[in-house]
Each structure stands twice: as structure tokens, then as C-alpha cells.
Amino acid sequence: MLFLDKNPTIDKTSTMDRIAVGLGFPAENARQIVKEAVKFFLKEPDIEDFKRVIKKVNPIKHNS
């Protein structure tokens, strides 16, 4: 979504919240995860940096 349209709106981010939950992120973390993802992808980051930030926001046991 963000690669095609670099203008995140409320309805797009609420859809992304639902996608995050569908991908297995806890519902209580979805908003923060999406917020960090939007902020991160608008800067065109490195994927390893992105994974590090998401792990920080969603502190569950991860299999690197």
C-alpha cells in the first residue's frame, strides 16, 4: 500500500491495522506496529532496520 501511495490516511491505516492482526500481531499492538511501519517505509529503510523496529514495538519471542 505504502509503495503505491505514499499518503497514508486513516482509512488506509485502519485497513493496515486489520492486516497486521491477520498476520498474527496482537490486536493491542497493531496500531503502534502500523504507525512504526508507515513512518519507516516513508523513509525507504533497510529491511533489517525495519525488522528491528517491529521487534521493538512487538516484544514477543522472535525466531530471527
N, C-alpha and C. Protein backbone atom coordinates (compact mmCIF):
# COMPACT_ATOMS: atom_id res chain seq x y z
N MET A 1 0.82 -1.20 0.00
CA MET A 1 0.00 0.00 0.00
C MET A 1 0.86 1.26 0.00
N LEU A 2 1.85 1.26 0.87
CA LEU A 2 2.66 2.47 1.00
C LEU A 2 3.58 2.69 -0.19
N PHE A 3 3.98 1.61 -0.86
CA PHE A 3 4.84 1.78 -2.03
C PHE A 3 4.06 2.41 -3.18
N LEU A 4 2.78 2.11 -3.28
CA LEU A 4 1.97 2.65 -4.37
C LEU A 4 1.48 4.06 -4.07
N ASP A 5 1.12 4.31 -2.83
CA ASP A 5 0.53 5.60 -2.46
C ASP A 5 1.19 6.06 -1.17
N LYS A 6 2.12 6.97 -1.26
CA LYS A 6 2.85 7.42 -0.07
C LYS A 6 2.10 8.48 0.72
N ASN A 7 0.78 8.32 0.79
CA ASN A 7 -0.06 9.25 1.52
C ASN A 7 -1.00 8.45 2.42
N PRO A 8 -0.51 7.97 3.57
CA PRO A 8 -1.36 7.16 4.45
C PRO A 8 -2.49 8.00 5.06
N THR A 9 -3.70 7.50 4.95
CA THR A 9 -4.86 8.17 5.54
C THR A 9 -5.44 7.26 6.61
N ILE A 10 -6.39 7.77 7.37
CA ILE A 10 -7.00 7.00 8.46
C ILE A 10 -7.61 5.70 7.96
N ASP A 11 -8.36 5.76 6.85
CA ASP A 11 -8.99 4.53 6.36
C ASP A 11 -7.95 3.52 5.88
N LYS A 12 -6.85 3.98 5.29
CA LYS A 12 -5.79 3.05 4.86
C LYS A 12 -5.09 2.44 6.06
N THR A 13 -4.82 3.26 7.07
CA THR A 13 -4.11 2.71 8.23
C THR A 13 -5.01 1.79 9.04
N SER A 14 -6.32 2.03 9.06
CA SER A 14 -7.20 1.10 9.77
C SER A 14 -7.25 -0.23 9.04
N THR A 15 -7.18 -0.21 7.71
CA THR A 15 -7.08 -1.45 6.95
C THR A 15 -5.77 -2.15 7.28
N MET A 16 -4.70 -1.38 7.38
CA MET A 16 -3.41 -1.96 7.71
C MET A 16 -3.40 -2.53 9.13
N ASP A 17 -4.16 -1.92 10.05
CA ASP A 17 -4.31 -2.48 11.41
C ASP A 17 -4.89 -3.88 11.32
N ARG A 18 -5.94 -4.03 10.53
CA ARG A 18 -6.59 -5.34 10.39
C ARG A 18 -5.65 -6.35 9.73
N ILE A 19 -4.87 -5.90 8.76
CA ILE A 19 -3.90 -6.78 8.12
C ILE A 19 -2.85 -7.23 9.13
N ALA A 20 -2.37 -6.30 9.98
CA ALA A 20 -1.37 -6.65 10.99
C ALA A 20 -1.91 -7.73 11.93
N VAL A 21 -3.16 -7.59 12.35
CA VAL A 21 -3.77 -8.59 13.23
C VAL A 21 -3.89 -9.91 12.47
N GLY A 22 -4.29 -9.85 11.20
CA GLY A 22 -4.41 -11.05 10.39
C GLY A 22 -3.08 -11.76 10.19
N LEU A 23 -1.99 -10.99 10.21
CA LEU A 23 -0.66 -11.58 10.08
C LEU A 23 -0.15 -12.19 11.38
N GLY A 24 -0.94 -12.00 12.46
CA GLY A 24 -0.57 -12.63 13.73
C GLY A 24 -0.06 -11.69 14.80
N PHE A 25 0.00 -10.39 14.52
CA PHE A 25 0.40 -9.45 15.57
C PHE A 25 -0.76 -9.28 16.55
N PRO A 26 -0.48 -9.12 17.84
CA PRO A 26 -1.55 -8.91 18.82
C PRO A 26 -2.34 -7.65 18.51
N ALA A 27 -3.65 -7.72 18.68
CA ALA A 27 -4.52 -6.59 18.38
C ALA A 27 -4.11 -5.34 19.16
N GLU A 28 -3.66 -5.53 20.40
CA GLU A 28 -3.28 -4.37 21.21
C GLU A 28 -2.01 -3.68 20.71
N ASN A 29 -1.22 -4.35 19.87
CA ASN A 29 -0.01 -3.76 19.30
C ASN A 29 -0.19 -3.28 17.86
N ALA A 30 -1.29 -3.64 17.23
CA ALA A 30 -1.46 -3.38 15.80
C ALA A 30 -1.31 -1.90 15.44
N ARG A 31 -1.94 -1.01 16.18
CA ARG A 31 -1.89 0.43 15.86
C ARG A 31 -0.45 0.93 15.89
N GLN A 32 0.30 0.57 16.94
CA GLN A 32 1.69 1.01 17.07
C GLN A 32 2.56 0.40 15.98
N ILE A 33 2.33 -0.86 15.66
CA ILE A 33 3.09 -1.52 14.60
C ILE A 33 2.86 -0.82 13.27
N VAL A 34 1.61 -0.53 12.95
CA VAL A 34 1.30 0.16 11.69
C VAL A 34 1.91 1.56 11.70
N LYS A 35 1.82 2.26 12.80
CA LYS A 35 2.39 3.59 12.90
C LYS A 35 3.89 3.57 12.62
N GLU A 36 4.60 2.62 13.23
CA GLU A 36 6.04 2.49 13.00
C GLU A 36 6.34 2.08 11.57
N ALA A 37 5.53 1.18 11.03
CA ALA A 37 5.74 0.73 9.64
C ALA A 37 5.56 1.88 8.66
N VAL A 38 4.52 2.68 8.84
CA VAL A 38 4.28 3.82 7.95
C VAL A 38 5.44 4.80 8.05
N LYS A 39 5.82 5.16 9.26
CA LYS A 39 6.92 6.10 9.46
C LYS A 39 8.20 5.57 8.82
N PHE A 40 8.43 4.28 9.00
CA PHE A 40 9.64 3.67 8.49
C PHE A 40 9.67 3.60 6.97
N PHE A 41 8.59 3.15 6.37
CA PHE A 41 8.57 2.98 4.92
C PHE A 41 8.50 4.28 4.15
N LEU A 42 8.04 5.33 4.78
CA LEU A 42 8.06 6.62 4.10
C LEU A 42 9.49 7.14 3.91
N LYS A 43 10.45 6.58 4.69
CA LYS A 43 11.86 6.94 4.54
C LYS A 43 12.61 5.96 3.66
N GLU A 44 11.94 4.90 3.16
CA GLU A 44 12.56 3.84 2.36
C GLU A 44 13.76 3.21 3.08
N PRO A 45 13.49 2.51 4.18
CA PRO A 45 14.55 1.96 5.02
C PRO A 45 15.09 0.62 4.52
N ASP A 46 16.10 0.16 5.21
CA ASP A 46 16.66 -1.17 5.03
C ASP A 46 15.75 -2.18 5.74
N ILE A 47 15.55 -3.35 5.16
CA ILE A 47 14.65 -4.35 5.73
C ILE A 47 15.11 -4.82 7.11
N GLU A 48 16.39 -4.92 7.34
CA GLU A 48 16.88 -5.34 8.65
C GLU A 48 16.54 -4.29 9.71
N ASP A 49 16.64 -3.02 9.37
CA ASP A 49 16.24 -1.96 10.30
C ASP A 49 14.75 -2.06 10.60
N PHE A 50 13.95 -2.33 9.57
CA PHE A 50 12.51 -2.47 9.74
C PHE A 50 12.19 -3.61 10.71
N LYS A 51 12.82 -4.76 10.53
CA LYS A 51 12.57 -5.90 11.42
C LYS A 51 12.95 -5.56 12.85
N ARG A 52 14.04 -4.84 13.04
CA ARG A 52 14.48 -4.46 14.38
C ARG A 52 13.44 -3.56 15.06
N VAL A 53 12.91 -2.59 14.33
CA VAL A 53 11.92 -1.67 14.90
C VAL A 53 10.63 -2.41 15.24
N ILE A 54 10.17 -3.30 14.36
CA ILE A 54 8.94 -4.04 14.63
C ILE A 54 9.12 -4.96 15.84
N LYS A 55 10.27 -5.59 15.97
CA LYS A 55 10.52 -6.43 17.13
C LYS A 55 10.53 -5.61 18.42
N LYS A 56 10.99 -4.38 18.33
CA LYS A 56 11.00 -3.49 19.49
C LYS A 56 9.57 -3.12 19.89
N VAL A 57 8.73 -2.85 18.92
CA VAL A 57 7.34 -2.46 19.18
C VAL A 57 6.50 -3.66 19.60
N ASN A 58 6.82 -4.83 19.09
CA ASN A 58 6.06 -6.05 19.37
C ASN A 58 6.97 -7.04 20.10
N PRO A 59 7.19 -6.82 21.41
CA PRO A 59 8.19 -7.59 22.15
C PRO A 59 7.74 -9.00 22.53
N ILE A 60 7.63 -9.87 21.55
CA ILE A 60 7.38 -11.27 21.80
C ILE A 60 8.62 -12.05 21.38
N LYS A 61 8.67 -13.32 21.72
CA LYS A 61 9.82 -14.12 21.34
C LYS A 61 9.83 -14.27 19.82
N HIS A 62 10.93 -13.91 19.20
CA HIS A 62 11.07 -13.95 17.75
C HIS A 62 12.12 -14.98 17.36
N ASN A 63 11.88 -15.64 16.26
CA ASN A 63 12.90 -16.50 15.65
C ASN A 63 13.56 -15.68 14.58
N SER A 64 14.68 -15.05 14.87
CA SER A 64 15.37 -14.16 13.95
C SER A 64 15.42 -14.77 12.61
